[in-house]
C-alpha atoms as a PDB file:
ATOM      1  CA  UNK A   1      98.918 113.437 105.546  1.00  0.00           C
ATOM      2  CA  UNK A   2     101.857 111.367 104.357  1.00  0.00           C
ATOM      3  CA  UNK A   3     104.299 109.752 106.694  1.00  0.00           C
ATOM      4  CA  UNK A   4     107.519 107.817 106.263  1.00  0.00           C
ATOM      5  CA  UNK A   5     108.521 105.134 108.704  1.00  0.00           C
ATOM      6  CA  UNK A   6     110.953 102.269 108.716  1.00  0.00           C
ATOM      7  CA  UNK A   7     109.874  98.811 109.773  1.00  0.00           C
ATOM      8  CA  UNK A   8     111.939  95.624 109.605  1.00  0.00           C
ATOM      9  CA  UNK A   9     114.667  97.592 107.761  1.00  0.00           C
ATOM     10  CA  UNK A  10     112.182  98.481 105.049  1.00  0.00           C
ATOM     11  CA  UNK A  11     111.360 102.174 104.602  1.00  0.00           C
ATOM     12  CA  UNK A  12     107.614 102.584 104.220  1.00  0.00           C
ATOM     13  CA  UNK A  13     105.664 105.652 103.189  1.00  0.00           C
ATOM     14  CA  UNK A  14     101.958 105.962 103.948  1.00  0.00           C
ATOM     15  CA  UNK A  15     100.232 108.321 101.555  1.00  0.00           C
ATOM     16  CA  UNK A  16      96.766 109.135 100.324  1.00  0.00           C
ATOM     17  CA  UNK A  17      95.704 106.837  97.474  1.00  0.00           C
ATOM     18  CA  UNK A  18      95.101 108.333  94.046  1.00  0.00           C
ATOM     19  CA  UNK A  19      92.959 107.106  91.162  1.00  0.00           C
ATOM     20  CA  UNK A  20      95.918 105.459  89.415  1.00  0.00           C
ATOM     21  CA  UNK A  21      96.326 103.157  92.466  1.00  0.00           C
ATOM     22  CA  UNK A  22      92.921 101.535  91.824  1.00  0.00           C
ATOM     23  CA  UNK A  23      94.151  98.585  89.751  1.00  0.00           C
ATOM     24  CA  UNK A  24      96.976  97.759  92.170  1.00  0.00           C
ATOM     25  CA  UNK A  25      94.616  97.878  95.158  1.00  0.00           C
ATOM     26  CA  UNK A  26      92.095  95.690  93.348  1.00  0.00           C
ATOM     27  CA  UNK A  27      94.831  93.132  92.562  1.00  0.00           C
ATOM     28  CA  UNK A  28      95.923  93.139  96.203  1.00  0.00           C
ATOM     29  CA  UNK A  29      92.362  92.412  97.391  1.00  0.00           C
ATOM     30  CA  UNK A  30      91.605  89.729  94.804  1.00  0.00           C
ATOM     31  CA  UNK A  31      94.976  88.019  95.238  1.00  0.00           C
ATOM     32  CA  UNK A  32      94.966  87.930  99.042  1.00  0.00           C
ATOM     33  CA  UNK A  33      95.691  84.457 100.444  1.00  0.00           C
ATOM     34  CA  UNK A  34      93.397  85.353 103.363  1.00  0.00           C
ATOM     35  CA  UNK A  35      90.494  84.982 100.936  1.00  0.00           C
ATOM     36  CA  UNK A  36      91.335  81.612  99.448  1.00  0.00           C
ATOM     37  CA  UNK A  37      89.113  78.566  99.788  1.00  0.00           C
ATOM     38  CA  UNK A  38      85.766  79.127 101.454  1.00  0.00           C
ATOM     39  CA  UNK A  39      86.325  82.909 101.563  1.00  0.00           C
ATOM     40  CA  UNK A  40      87.087  83.310  97.837  1.00  0.00           C
ATOM     41  CA  UNK A  41      83.539  84.357  96.968  1.00  0.00           C
ATOM     42  CA  UNK A  42      83.899  87.435  99.153  1.00  0.00           C
ATOM     43  CA  UNK A  43      86.490  89.064  96.870  1.00  0.00           C
ATOM     44  CA  UNK A  44      85.699  87.439  93.521  1.00  0.00           C
ATOM     45  CA  UNK A  45      84.989  90.311  91.191  1.00  0.00           C
ATOM     46  CA  UNK A  46      85.718  92.899  93.917  1.00  0.00           C
ATOM     47  CA  UNK A  47      86.936  96.217  92.558  1.00  0.00           C
ATOM     48  CA  UNK A  48      88.550  99.203  94.250  1.00  0.00           C
ATOM     49  CA  UNK A  49      87.711 101.824  91.661  1.00  0.00           C
ATOM     50  CA  UNK A  50      88.954 105.386  91.180  1.00  0.00           C
ATOM     51  CA  UNK A  51      85.514 106.605  92.296  1.00  0.00           C
ATOM     52  CA  UNK A  52      85.875 104.723  95.600  1.00  0.00           C
ATOM     53  CA  UNK A  53      89.326 106.249  96.148  1.00  0.00           C
ATOM     54  CA  UNK A  54      87.995 109.742  95.454  1.00  0.00           C
ATOM     55  CA  UNK A  55      84.974 109.288  97.765  1.00  0.00           C
ATOM     56  CA  UNK A  56      86.714 107.795 100.805  1.00  0.00           C
ATOM     57  CA  UNK A  57      89.915 108.322 102.749  1.00  0.00           C
ATOM     58  CA  UNK A  58      92.060 105.576 101.260  1.00  0.00           C
ATOM     59  CA  UNK A  59      95.700 105.364 102.305  1.00  0.00           C
ATOM     60  CA  UNK A  60      98.438 103.137 100.919  1.00  0.00           C
ATOM     61  CA  UNK A  61     101.654 101.900 102.484  1.00  0.00           C
ATOM     62  CA  UNK A  62     104.312 101.784  99.794  1.00  0.00           C
ATOM     63  CA  UNK A  63     107.897 100.587  99.749  1.00  0.00           C
ATOM     64  CA  UNK A  64     109.755 103.896  99.729  1.00  0.00           C
ATOM     65  CA  UNK A  65     112.927 102.358  98.285  1.00  0.00           C
ATOM     66  CA  UNK A  66     111.327 101.055  95.110  1.00  0.00           C
ATOM     67  CA  UNK A  67     110.911 103.323  92.113  1.00  0.00           C
ATOM     68  CA  UNK A  68     107.339 102.222  91.464  1.00  0.00           C
ATOM     69  CA  UNK A  69     106.440 102.465  95.170  1.00  0.00           C
ATOM     70  CA  UNK A  70     105.229  98.850  95.474  1.00  0.00           C
ATOM     71  CA  UNK A  71     102.004  98.726  97.485  1.00  0.00           C
ATOM     72  CA  UNK A  72     102.530  96.842 100.751  1.00  0.00           C
ATOM     73  CA  UNK A  73      99.035  97.452 102.101  1.00  0.00           C
ATOM     74  CA  UNK A  74      96.169  99.899 102.317  1.00  0.00           C
ATOM     75  CA  UNK A  75      93.121 100.883 104.301  1.00  0.00           C
ATOM     76  CA  UNK A  76      89.954 102.875 103.776  1.00  0.00           C
ATOM     77  CA  UNK A  77      88.354 105.087 106.414  1.00  0.00           C
ATOM     78  CA  UNK A  78      84.704 105.980 105.891  1.00  0.00           C
ATOM     79  CA  UNK A  79      83.677 108.969 108.009  1.00  0.00           C
ATOM     80  CA  UNK A  80      79.890 108.619 108.154  1.00  0.00           C
ATOM     81  CA  UNK A  81      79.243 106.340 109.829  1.00  0.00           C
ATOM     82  CA  UNK A  82      82.839 105.918 111.072  1.00  0.00           C
ATOM     83  CA  UNK A  83      84.076 102.627 109.664  1.00  0.00           C
ATOM     84  CA  UNK A  84      87.277 100.922 108.651  1.00  0.00           C
ATOM     85  CA  UNK A  85      85.919  99.592 105.370  1.00  0.00           C
ATOM     86  CA  UNK A  86      89.003  97.865 103.976  1.00  0.00           C
ATOM     87  CA  UNK A  87      92.383  96.884 105.401  1.00  0.00           C
ATOM     88  CA  UNK A  88      94.690  94.663 103.374  1.00  0.00           C
ATOM     89  CA  UNK A  89      98.386  93.852 103.617  1.00  0.00           C
ATOM     90  CA  UNK A  90     100.145  92.243 100.659  1.00  0.00           C
ATOM     91  CA  UNK A  91     100.888  88.565 101.259  1.00  0.00           C
ATOM     92  CA  UNK A  92     104.662  89.095 100.926  1.00  0.00           C
ATOM     93  CA  UNK A  93     104.531  91.925 103.500  1.00  0.00           C
ATOM     94  CA  UNK A  94     102.625  89.962 106.166  1.00  0.00           C
ATOM     95  CA  UNK A  95     104.421  89.847 109.509  1.00  0.00           C
ATOM     96  CA  UNK A  96     106.517  92.966 108.872  1.00  0.00           C
ATOM     97  CA  UNK A  97     104.344  95.319 110.915  1.00  0.00           C
ATOM     98  CA  UNK A  98     102.644  96.957 107.925  1.00  0.00           C
ATOM     99  CA  UNK A  99      99.161  96.282 109.329  1.00  0.00           C
ATOM    100  CA  UNK A 100     100.147  97.856 112.642  1.00  0.00           C
ATOM    101  CA  UNK A 101     101.542 100.914 110.837  1.00  0.00           C
ATOM    102  CA  UNK A 102      98.293 101.274 108.907  1.00  0.00           C
ATOM    103  CA  UNK A 103      96.203 101.008 112.078  1.00  0.00           C
ATOM    104  CA  UNK A 104      98.390 103.615 113.821  1.00  0.00           C
ATOM    105  CA  UNK A 105      97.818 105.866 110.812  1.00  0.00           C
ATOM    106  CA  UNK A 106      94.078 105.128 111.016  1.00  0.00           C
ATOM    107  CA  UNK A 107      93.996 106.289 114.641  1.00  0.00           C
ATOM    108  CA  UNK A 108      95.713 109.563 113.676  1.00  0.00           C
ATOM    109  CA  UNK A 109      93.343 110.145 110.745  1.00  0.00           C
ATOM    110  CA  UNK A 110      90.271 109.340 112.840  1.00  0.00           C
ATOM    111  CA  UNK A 111      91.437 111.702 115.587  1.00  0.00           C
ATOM    112  CA  UNK A 112      92.119 114.475 113.044  1.00  0.00           C
ATOM    113  CA  UNK A 113      88.595 113.986 111.664  1.00  0.00           C
ATOM    114  CA  UNK A 114      87.132 114.376 115.163  1.00  0.00           C
ATOM    115  CA  UNK A 115      86.076 110.737 115.526  1.00  0.00           C
ATOM    116  CA  UNK A 116      86.113 109.019 118.911  1.00  0.00           C
ATOM    117  CA  UNK A 117      85.473 105.521 117.543  1.00  0.00           C
ATOM    118  CA  UNK A 118      85.693 103.578 114.295  1.00  0.00           C
ATOM    119  CA  UNK A 119      83.904 100.274 113.686  1.00  0.00           C
ATOM    120  CA  UNK A 120      85.089  97.386 111.541  1.00  0.00           C
ATOM    121  CA  UNK A 121      83.375  94.179 110.476  1.00  0.00           C
ATOM    122  CA  UNK A 122      86.216  91.705 110.342  1.00  0.00           C
ATOM    123  CA  UNK A 123      87.116  88.840 108.082  1.00  0.00           C
ATOM    124  CA  UNK A 124      86.953  85.927 110.597  1.00  0.00           C
ATOM    125  CA  UNK A 125      90.647  84.948 110.265  1.00  0.00           C
ATOM    126  CA  UNK A 126      91.663  88.583 111.016  1.00  0.00           C
ATOM    127  CA  UNK A 127      90.000  88.629 114.440  1.00  0.00           C
ATOM    128  CA  UNK A 128      93.288  88.017 116.287  1.00  0.00           C
ATOM    129  CA  UNK A 129      94.993  90.849 114.431  1.00  0.00           C
ATOM    130  CA  UNK A 130      92.263  93.352 115.292  1.00  0.00           C
ATOM    131  CA  UNK A 131      92.371  92.363 118.952  1.00  0.00           C
ATOM    132  CA  UNK A 132      96.168  92.748 118.934  1.00  0.00           C
ATOM    133  CA  UNK A 133      95.961  96.349 117.681  1.00  0.00           C
ATOM    134  CA  UNK A 134      93.449  97.458 120.290  1.00  0.00           C
ATOM    135  CA  UNK A 135      90.072  96.832 118.689  1.00  0.00           C
ATOM    136  CA  UNK A 136      87.322  95.726 121.080  1.00  0.00           C
ATOM    137  CA  UNK A 137      84.752  93.171 119.984  1.00  0.00           C
ATOM    138  CA  UNK A 138      81.239  94.629 120.098  1.00  0.00           C
ATOM    139  CA  UNK A 139      79.191  91.974 118.330  1.00  0.00           C
ATOM    140  CA  UNK A 140      78.681  89.635 115.414  1.00  0.00           C
ATOM    141  CA  UNK A 141      77.306  90.445 111.976  1.00  0.00           C
ATOM    142  CA  UNK A 142      75.254  87.495 110.700  1.00  0.00           C
ATOM    143  CA  UNK A 143      75.890  85.864 107.341  1.00  0.00           C
ATOM    144  CA  UNK A 144      74.284  87.551 104.353  1.00  0.00           C
ATOM    145  CA  UNK A 145      74.065  84.971 101.527  1.00  0.00           C
ATOM    146  CA  UNK A 146      74.900  84.759  98.726  1.00  0.00           C
ATOM    147  CA  UNK A 147      77.707  87.331  99.122  1.00  0.00           C
ATOM    148  CA  UNK A 148      78.796  86.449 102.668  1.00  0.00           C
ATOM    149  CA  UNK A 149      78.187  82.900 103.847  1.00  0.00           C
ATOM    150  CA  UNK A 150      79.559  83.191 107.395  1.00  0.00           C
ATOM    151  CA  UNK A 151      79.079  85.277 110.509  1.00  0.00           C
ATOM    152  CA  UNK A 152      81.696  88.001 111.011  1.00  0.00           C
ATOM    153  CA  UNK A 153      83.051  89.558 114.196  1.00  0.00           C
ATOM    154  CA  UNK A 154      82.373  93.270 114.662  1.00  0.00           C
ATOM    155  CA  UNK A 155      84.955  95.452 116.401  1.00  0.00           C
ATOM    156  CA  UNK A 156      85.380  99.011 117.499  1.00  0.00           C
ATOM    157  CA  UNK A 157      88.551 101.088 117.657  1.00  0.00           C
ATOM    158  CA  UNK A 158      88.211 103.585 120.497  1.00  0.00           C
ATOM    159  CA  UNK A 159      90.119 106.662 119.455  1.00  0.00           C
ATOM    160  CA  UNK A 160      91.672 108.406 122.461  1.00  0.00           C
ATOM    161  CA  UNK A 161      91.898 112.196 122.409  1.00  0.00           C
ATOM    162  CA  UNK A 162      95.328 113.705 121.837  1.00  0.00           C
END
């Protein structure tokens, strides 16, 4: 499923990621300002590889007006168990509604896959965003050193039937 929408006078296309997107998605994750400072260890060395893209439902929001289709954000839906594994919006696209567009797309994909809920373990600073797009807090995932040194909020998207 690919969709084209316009947000903040910027035409955006959401499409399925392909293997050649892997390097751009990896750069987006590693360069995210949300993971600076104390959170830097979480994404240091992180890689979104072609194998990951082929295994999971990864979707990218791209600037439809640019020839190279600049990546504005992406998400990954894992079906079993149902989980939003990754959701990133490029720093320069923050505040333009790209995250909301991706979550709306997530709901549609989850519904099409027959899911009634999707869980996400959130980066602590993203808690407000997840609440604002309808996710309900269901718990806390404790720190898991050395990779994750802090507790993380756990949310659930409840996918309404059509």
